[in-house]
């Protein structure tokens, strides 16, 4: 158990000690320990921050061991902490230096929230720069985040770069030069919003054709 009146700064300095009388994971024992810490924090505001920190450390440790969906289901069924509070506690455990000297849990959560928003703004700016480079070169740069950058680009959150060439856009040129411009595929691609969407559609068609070809060859 934690020592009463211990601050988050003191816990970080000496190192947080996990309980050793049970295995940490998505089990009843871990949930019970978290629930007890949460109740103690609710009763004593002075201890709320370091108990939030201890719960956050425990939750982060559990979260590493299972898929996100499994973690959230265990949290919902067994832990008497809302998902919102759970993520607040995990943030406190991740960035305790941002709340050094803070005595109010609410203010600590607010400070962490401001810091996380600043981090997201920095990441968004970096994503915009990667997407702009990809649109200009056609090559995904180092650091490309497969799911988040693709989603951000396809949702149109980033304005397309200005045309620097005097030639027609690539898609328009391909469409003009093709003798199959009336085919269903060209019509489908032409209806899409931008070249990035067309690239994704082409990849999907290639995958589908490979799968169909494989199935057909089995019957030959």
Protein backbone atom coordinates (compact mmCIF):
# COMPACT_ATOMS: atom_id res chain seq x y z
CA UNK A 1 0.00 0.00 0.00
CA UNK A 2 1.05 3.61 -0.46
CA UNK A 3 2.37 5.76 2.38
CA UNK A 4 -0.13 8.41 3.47
CA UNK A 5 0.52 12.04 2.44
CA UNK A 6 3.10 11.00 -0.15
CA UNK A 7 3.22 13.39 -3.11
CA UNK A 8 3.48 12.46 -6.77
CA UNK A 9 6.95 14.01 -6.85
CA UNK A 10 8.09 11.78 -3.98
CA UNK A 11 6.63 8.68 -5.64
CA UNK A 12 8.46 9.43 -8.89
CA UNK A 13 11.70 10.07 -7.01
CA UNK A 14 11.71 6.78 -5.10
CA UNK A 15 9.94 4.75 -7.77
CA UNK A 16 6.39 3.46 -7.58
CA UNK A 17 6.14 0.04 -5.98
CA UNK A 18 3.51 -2.27 -7.46
CA UNK A 19 1.80 -4.74 -5.13
CA UNK A 20 3.48 -8.15 -5.07
CA UNK A 21 0.68 -10.26 -3.58
CA UNK A 22 -1.09 -10.79 -6.92
CA UNK A 23 -0.35 -10.90 -10.63
CA UNK A 24 -1.11 -7.62 -12.41
CA UNK A 25 -3.47 -8.00 -15.34
CA UNK A 26 -7.10 -8.01 -16.42
CA UNK A 27 -8.18 -9.92 -13.32
CA UNK A 28 -10.36 -9.36 -10.25
CA UNK A 29 -7.39 -8.78 -7.91
CA UNK A 30 -6.04 -5.90 -9.99
CA UNK A 31 -9.50 -4.37 -10.32
CA UNK A 32 -10.04 -4.67 -6.56
CA UNK A 33 -6.74 -2.90 -5.83
CA UNK A 34 -7.65 -0.05 -8.22
CA UNK A 35 -11.13 0.26 -6.71
CA UNK A 36 -9.68 0.50 -3.19
CA UNK A 37 -7.21 3.20 -4.22
CA UNK A 38 -9.98 5.11 -5.97
CA UNK A 39 -12.21 5.05 -2.89
CA UNK A 40 -9.35 6.28 -0.69
CA UNK A 41 -8.69 9.12 -3.10
CA UNK A 42 -12.34 10.14 -3.11
CA UNK A 43 -12.42 10.26 0.71
CA UNK A 44 -9.21 12.27 1.08
CA UNK A 45 -8.64 15.10 -1.40
CA UNK A 46 -5.11 15.60 -0.08
CA UNK A 47 -4.20 12.10 -1.22
CA UNK A 48 -6.19 12.19 -4.47
CA UNK A 49 -3.33 13.11 -6.82
CA UNK A 50 -0.87 10.46 -5.74
CA UNK A 51 -3.61 7.84 -5.68
CA UNK A 52 -4.64 8.92 -9.19
CA UNK A 53 -0.97 8.53 -10.16
CA UNK A 54 -0.79 5.05 -8.63
CA UNK A 55 -4.01 3.96 -10.37
CA UNK A 56 -2.70 5.39 -13.65
CA UNK A 57 0.56 3.44 -13.35
CA UNK A 58 -1.36 0.26 -12.68
CA UNK A 59 -3.73 0.85 -15.61
CA UNK A 60 -0.83 1.57 -17.97
CA UNK A 61 0.82 -1.67 -16.89
CA UNK A 62 -2.38 -3.63 -17.52
CA UNK A 63 -3.02 -1.88 -20.84
CA UNK A 64 0.36 -3.03 -22.19
CA UNK A 65 -0.57 -6.69 -21.78
CA UNK A 66 -3.82 -6.89 -23.77
CA UNK A 67 -5.51 -5.46 -26.90
CA UNK A 68 -7.32 -2.13 -26.47
CA UNK A 69 -10.76 -3.72 -26.79
CA UNK A 70 -10.00 -6.28 -24.07
CA UNK A 71 -8.65 -3.58 -21.78
CA UNK A 72 -11.72 -1.36 -22.19
CA UNK A 73 -14.09 -4.28 -21.63
CA UNK A 74 -12.27 -5.27 -18.42
CA UNK A 75 -12.32 -1.64 -17.30
CA UNK A 76 -16.06 -1.35 -17.93
CA UNK A 77 -17.00 -4.60 -16.20
CA UNK A 78 -14.63 -4.73 -13.23
CA UNK A 79 -13.23 -1.31 -12.38
CA UNK A 80 -15.20 1.38 -10.54
CA UNK A 81 -13.51 4.15 -12.51
CA UNK A 82 -15.06 5.69 -15.62
CA UNK A 83 -13.15 5.47 -18.90
CA UNK A 84 -12.66 9.25 -18.86
CA UNK A 85 -11.16 9.20 -15.37
CA UNK A 86 -9.05 6.16 -16.22
CA UNK A 87 -7.43 7.98 -19.13
CA UNK A 88 -6.93 11.08 -16.95
CA UNK A 89 -5.14 8.95 -14.36
CA UNK A 90 -2.97 7.30 -17.02
CA UNK A 91 -2.03 10.76 -18.33
CA UNK A 92 -1.02 11.84 -14.81
CA UNK A 93 1.15 8.72 -14.56
CA UNK A 94 2.73 9.43 -17.95
CA UNK A 95 3.51 13.12 -17.34
CA UNK A 96 3.90 13.64 -13.56
CA UNK A 97 6.54 16.33 -14.12
CA UNK A 98 3.81 18.55 -15.62
CA UNK A 99 1.93 18.71 -12.32
CA UNK A 100 4.85 19.06 -9.91
CA UNK A 101 3.70 20.78 -6.74
CA UNK A 102 0.02 20.65 -7.65
CA UNK A 103 -2.32 19.78 -4.75
CA UNK A 104 -5.67 19.75 -6.55
CA UNK A 105 -6.56 16.71 -8.66
CA UNK A 106 -8.92 18.74 -10.83
CA UNK A 107 -6.24 21.32 -11.56
CA UNK A 108 -3.72 18.55 -12.21
CA UNK A 109 -6.05 16.98 -14.78
CA UNK A 110 -6.59 20.40 -16.36
CA UNK A 111 -2.84 21.01 -16.65
CA UNK A 112 -2.26 17.59 -18.20
CA UNK A 113 -5.12 18.25 -20.63
CA UNK A 114 -3.49 21.49 -21.81
CA UNK A 115 -0.16 19.71 -22.27
CA UNK A 116 -1.75 16.87 -24.26
CA UNK A 117 -3.52 19.35 -26.54
CA UNK A 118 -0.18 21.04 -27.20
CA UNK A 119 1.34 17.64 -28.05
CA UNK A 120 -1.51 16.91 -30.48
CA UNK A 121 -1.01 20.28 -32.18
CA UNK A 122 2.69 19.51 -32.64
CA UNK A 123 1.89 16.04 -34.03
CA UNK A 124 -0.76 17.47 -36.36
CA UNK A 125 1.76 19.98 -37.73
CA UNK A 126 4.28 17.20 -38.35
CA UNK A 127 1.56 15.11 -40.03
CA UNK A 128 0.66 18.04 -42.29
CA UNK A 129 4.30 18.35 -43.32
CA UNK A 130 4.54 14.60 -44.11
CA UNK A 131 1.32 14.69 -46.13
CA UNK A 132 2.44 17.76 -48.07
CA UNK A 133 5.72 16.01 -48.92
CA UNK A 134 3.88 12.86 -50.02
CA UNK A 135 1.53 14.84 -52.27
CA UNK A 136 4.48 16.62 -53.84
CA UNK A 137 6.75 13.62 -54.36
CA UNK A 138 4.37 10.65 -54.45
CA UNK A 139 6.57 8.89 -51.88
CA UNK A 140 5.56 8.49 -48.25
CA UNK A 141 8.35 10.07 -46.15
CA UNK A 142 10.10 8.58 -43.14
CA UNK A 143 7.92 8.71 -40.04
CA UNK A 144 4.69 8.19 -42.00
CA UNK A 145 2.00 6.87 -39.65
CA UNK A 146 0.13 4.32 -41.73
CA UNK A 147 -3.31 4.66 -40.19
CA UNK A 148 -3.43 8.18 -38.76
CA UNK A 149 -1.68 9.99 -41.61
CA UNK A 150 -3.69 8.10 -44.26
CA UNK A 151 -6.93 8.91 -42.44
CA UNK A 152 -6.02 12.57 -41.99
CA UNK A 153 -5.14 12.90 -45.67
CA UNK A 154 -8.24 11.09 -46.96
CA UNK A 155 -10.54 13.12 -44.72
CA UNK A 156 -9.19 16.24 -46.38
CA UNK A 157 -7.97 17.83 -43.16
CA UNK A 158 -4.95 19.10 -45.02
CA UNK A 159 -5.32 21.46 -47.98
CA UNK A 160 -3.72 20.07 -51.14
CA UNK A 161 -0.52 21.83 -52.21
CA UNK A 162 -0.65 24.39 -55.03
CA UNK A 163 0.16 23.17 -58.52
CA UNK A 164 3.77 24.09 -59.22
CA UNK A 165 3.83 22.64 -62.71
CA UNK A 166 2.31 24.21 -65.78
CA UNK A 167 1.29 20.78 -67.07
CA UNK A 168 -2.13 19.29 -66.44
CA UNK A 169 -2.61 17.24 -63.22
CA UNK A 170 -1.49 13.61 -63.65
CA UNK A 171 -4.98 12.14 -63.49
CA UNK A 172 -6.34 14.47 -66.16
CA UNK A 173 -3.43 13.56 -68.44
CA UNK A 174 -3.95 9.83 -67.91
CA UNK A 175 -7.64 10.20 -68.60
CA UNK A 176 -7.00 12.18 -71.79
CA UNK A 177 -4.42 9.69 -73.11
CA UNK A 178 -6.43 6.55 -72.36
CA UNK A 179 -8.47 4.75 -74.98
CA UNK A 180 -10.50 3.16 -72.15
CA UNK A 181 -11.82 6.39 -70.62
CA UNK A 182 -15.39 5.11 -70.95
CA UNK A 183 -14.70 1.96 -68.93
CA UNK A 184 -16.35 1.51 -65.54
CA UNK A 185 -12.97 1.68 -63.79
CA UNK A 186 -12.01 5.04 -65.23
CA UNK A 187 -15.46 6.41 -64.52
CA UNK A 188 -15.21 5.20 -60.93
CA UNK A 189 -11.74 6.70 -60.44
CA UNK A 190 -12.73 9.97 -62.09
CA UNK A 191 -15.59 10.35 -59.58
CA UNK A 192 -13.24 10.17 -56.60
CA UNK A 193 -12.22 13.30 -54.73
CA UNK A 194 -8.47 13.36 -55.37
CA UNK A 195 -5.45 11.38 -56.57
CA UNK A 196 -4.80 9.98 -53.10
CA UNK A 197 -8.27 8.41 -53.09
CA UNK A 198 -7.57 7.05 -56.61
CA UNK A 199 -4.30 5.50 -55.44
CA UNK A 200 -6.08 3.75 -52.56
CA UNK A 201 -8.83 2.56 -54.93
CA UNK A 202 -6.26 1.15 -57.37
CA UNK A 203 -4.54 -0.74 -54.55
CA UNK A 204 -7.91 -2.17 -53.51
CA UNK A 205 -8.65 -3.28 -57.08
CA UNK A 206 -5.21 -4.93 -57.35
CA UNK A 207 -5.78 -6.84 -54.11
CA UNK A 208 -9.23 -7.94 -55.26
CA UNK A 209 -7.91 -9.09 -58.65
CA UNK A 210 -5.08 -11.06 -57.04
CA UNK A 211 -7.55 -12.79 -54.73
CA UNK A 212 -9.91 -13.64 -57.60
CA UNK A 213 -7.00 -14.86 -59.73
CA UNK A 214 -5.82 -17.13 -56.93
CA UNK A 215 -9.29 -18.63 -56.50
CA UNK A 216 -9.70 -19.15 -60.26
CA UNK A 217 -6.33 -20.90 -60.53
CA UNK A 218 -7.42 -23.40 -57.90
CA UNK A 219 -10.12 -24.60 -60.26
CA UNK A 220 -7.87 -24.92 -63.32
